[in-house]
Amino acid sequence: MTIGGSIGLIILGAILAFAVTADVAGVDLTVVGYILMVGGAVGLVFGLLTRNRGRDPGAY
C-alpha cells in the first residue's frame, strides 16, 4: 500500500467515524470508520518501513 493510499484511508475513515450521521441497516459506520483508520495507519507504518529499507545509509 502506498503512503498516499494509507493517508486516504485514514481520511475516509475519519469522515465516516466523525462526520457521517446517516443510518445504514446492519452497518455501523462509526466502526467501519475506525477500522479504515487503523488499516490506514498500519499501511502507513508498513509503507514507511519498506520505503527506508532499501536505502544505503552511507550514500550521503
N, C-alpha and C. Protein backbone atom coordinates (compact mmCIF):
# COMPACT_ATOMS: atom_id res chain seq x y z
N MET A 1 0.85 -1.17 0.00
CA MET A 1 0.00 0.00 0.00
C MET A 1 0.90 1.23 0.00
N THR A 2 0.53 2.18 -0.82
CA THR A 2 1.32 3.40 -0.89
C THR A 2 1.02 4.31 0.29
N ILE A 3 1.90 5.27 0.49
CA ILE A 3 1.72 6.21 1.59
C ILE A 3 0.48 7.08 1.34
N GLY A 4 0.29 7.50 0.09
CA GLY A 4 -0.88 8.30 -0.24
C GLY A 4 -2.18 7.54 -0.06
N GLY A 5 -2.18 6.27 -0.42
CA GLY A 5 -3.37 5.43 -0.21
C GLY A 5 -3.68 5.25 1.25
N SER A 6 -2.66 5.11 2.06
CA SER A 6 -2.85 4.97 3.50
C SER A 6 -3.43 6.23 4.12
N ILE A 7 -2.92 7.37 3.70
CA ILE A 7 -3.44 8.64 4.20
C ILE A 7 -4.89 8.81 3.75
N GLY A 8 -5.19 8.39 2.52
CA GLY A 8 -6.56 8.44 2.03
C GLY A 8 -7.51 7.59 2.86
N LEU A 9 -7.06 6.39 3.25
CA LEU A 9 -7.88 5.53 4.11
C LEU A 9 -8.11 6.17 5.47
N ILE A 10 -7.09 6.79 6.01
CA ILE A 10 -7.24 7.46 7.31
C ILE A 10 -8.25 8.59 7.21
N ILE A 11 -8.17 9.37 6.14
CA ILE A 11 -9.11 10.49 5.96
C ILE A 11 -10.53 9.97 5.76
N LEU A 12 -10.70 8.97 4.91
CA LEU A 12 -12.03 8.40 4.68
C LEU A 12 -12.61 7.81 5.96
N GLY A 13 -11.78 7.12 6.73
CA GLY A 13 -12.23 6.56 7.99
C GLY A 13 -12.64 7.63 8.99
N ALA A 14 -11.89 8.72 9.04
CA ALA A 14 -12.23 9.81 9.95
C ALA A 14 -13.55 10.46 9.55
N ILE A 15 -13.76 10.60 8.26
CA ILE A 15 -15.04 11.17 7.79
C ILE A 15 -16.19 10.26 8.19
N LEU A 16 -16.03 8.96 7.97
CA LEU A 16 -17.11 8.03 8.33
C LEU A 16 -17.33 7.98 9.84
N ALA A 17 -16.25 8.04 10.61
CA ALA A 17 -16.38 7.90 12.06
C ALA A 17 -16.93 9.14 12.73
N PHE A 18 -16.56 10.32 12.24
CA PHE A 18 -16.88 11.54 12.97
C PHE A 18 -17.88 12.46 12.29
N ALA A 19 -18.04 12.36 10.97
CA ALA A 19 -18.86 13.35 10.28
C ALA A 19 -20.17 12.81 9.71
N VAL A 20 -20.23 11.53 9.41
CA VAL A 20 -21.43 10.97 8.78
C VAL A 20 -22.42 10.58 9.86
N THR A 21 -23.66 11.05 9.70
CA THR A 21 -24.70 10.74 10.68
C THR A 21 -25.81 9.87 10.07
N ALA A 22 -25.60 9.37 8.86
CA ALA A 22 -26.61 8.54 8.21
C ALA A 22 -26.69 7.17 8.89
N ASP A 23 -27.86 6.56 8.80
CA ASP A 23 -28.07 5.22 9.34
C ASP A 23 -28.21 4.23 8.19
N VAL A 24 -27.38 3.21 8.21
CA VAL A 24 -27.45 2.14 7.21
C VAL A 24 -27.83 0.87 7.95
N ALA A 25 -28.84 0.20 7.47
CA ALA A 25 -29.34 -1.01 8.15
C ALA A 25 -28.25 -2.08 8.19
N GLY A 26 -27.91 -2.51 9.39
CA GLY A 26 -26.96 -3.60 9.58
C GLY A 26 -25.50 -3.19 9.56
N VAL A 27 -25.20 -1.92 9.37
CA VAL A 27 -23.81 -1.46 9.31
C VAL A 27 -23.64 -0.27 10.24
N ASP A 28 -22.65 -0.36 11.11
CA ASP A 28 -22.31 0.76 11.99
C ASP A 28 -21.17 1.53 11.33
N LEU A 29 -21.49 2.69 10.76
CA LEU A 29 -20.50 3.45 10.01
C LEU A 29 -19.37 3.97 10.89
N THR A 30 -19.62 4.16 12.16
CA THR A 30 -18.57 4.60 13.07
C THR A 30 -17.50 3.52 13.20
N VAL A 31 -17.94 2.27 13.35
CA VAL A 31 -16.98 1.16 13.47
C VAL A 31 -16.23 0.97 12.16
N VAL A 32 -16.92 1.09 11.04
CA VAL A 32 -16.26 0.97 9.74
C VAL A 32 -15.20 2.07 9.60
N GLY A 33 -15.51 3.28 10.06
CA GLY A 33 -14.54 4.36 10.02
C GLY A 33 -13.32 4.08 10.85
N TYR A 34 -13.53 3.56 12.06
CA TYR A 34 -12.38 3.22 12.91
C TYR A 34 -11.53 2.11 12.29
N ILE A 35 -12.17 1.13 11.68
CA ILE A 35 -11.44 0.04 11.02
C ILE A 35 -10.60 0.59 9.87
N LEU A 36 -11.17 1.50 9.08
CA LEU A 36 -10.41 2.09 7.98
C LEU A 36 -9.24 2.93 8.50
N MET A 37 -9.43 3.64 9.60
CA MET A 37 -8.33 4.43 10.16
C MET A 37 -7.20 3.54 10.66
N VAL A 38 -7.54 2.45 11.31
CA VAL A 38 -6.50 1.52 11.80
C VAL A 38 -5.78 0.88 10.62
N GLY A 39 -6.55 0.45 9.61
CA GLY A 39 -5.92 -0.13 8.43
C GLY A 39 -5.02 0.86 7.72
N GLY A 40 -5.43 2.10 7.63
CA GLY A 40 -4.58 3.13 7.02
C GLY A 40 -3.33 3.39 7.82
N ALA A 41 -3.44 3.39 9.14
CA ALA A 41 -2.27 3.60 9.99
C ALA A 41 -1.27 2.45 9.85
N VAL A 42 -1.78 1.23 9.81
CA VAL A 42 -0.89 0.07 9.62
C VAL A 42 -0.22 0.14 8.26
N GLY A 43 -0.99 0.48 7.23
CA GLY A 43 -0.42 0.60 5.89
C GLY A 43 0.61 1.72 5.81
N LEU A 44 0.37 2.80 6.53
CA LEU A 44 1.32 3.92 6.53
C LEU A 44 2.63 3.50 7.19
N VAL A 45 2.55 2.84 8.32
CA VAL A 45 3.77 2.37 9.00
C VAL A 45 4.52 1.38 8.12
N PHE A 46 3.79 0.45 7.52
CA PHE A 46 4.43 -0.55 6.65
C PHE A 46 5.06 0.13 5.43
N GLY A 47 4.37 1.10 4.85
CA GLY A 47 4.91 1.81 3.70
C GLY A 47 6.17 2.59 4.04
N LEU A 48 6.18 3.23 5.20
CA LEU A 48 7.37 3.98 5.61
C LEU A 48 8.54 3.04 5.92
N LEU A 49 8.26 1.90 6.51
CA LEU A 49 9.34 0.95 6.81
C LEU A 49 9.93 0.37 5.54
N THR A 50 9.11 0.00 4.58
CA THR A 50 9.64 -0.58 3.35
C THR A 50 10.29 0.46 2.47
N ARG A 51 9.88 1.71 2.59
CA ARG A 51 10.49 2.79 1.81
C ARG A 51 11.94 3.02 2.25
N ASN A 52 12.20 2.92 3.52
CA ASN A 52 13.53 3.19 4.04
C ASN A 52 14.42 1.96 4.07
N ARG A 53 13.87 0.79 3.80
CA ARG A 53 14.64 -0.43 3.92
C ARG A 53 15.75 -0.54 2.87
N GLY A 54 15.50 -0.11 1.65
CA GLY A 54 16.46 -0.30 0.57
C GLY A 54 17.52 0.76 0.46
N ARG A 55 17.51 1.73 1.31
CA ARG A 55 18.48 2.81 1.19
C ARG A 55 19.79 2.48 1.88
N ASP A 56 20.86 2.94 1.28
CA ASP A 56 22.20 2.76 1.84
C ASP A 56 22.51 3.95 2.75
N PRO A 57 22.70 3.71 4.05
CA PRO A 57 22.93 4.83 4.96
C PRO A 57 24.24 5.57 4.68
N GLY A 58 25.19 4.97 4.00
CA GLY A 58 26.46 5.62 3.72
C GLY A 58 26.45 6.37 2.40
N ALA A 59 25.32 6.46 1.74
CA ALA A 59 25.26 7.08 0.40
C ALA A 59 25.27 8.59 0.47
N TYR A 60 25.16 9.18 1.61
CA TYR A 60 25.12 10.63 1.72
C TYR A 60 26.49 11.13 1.71
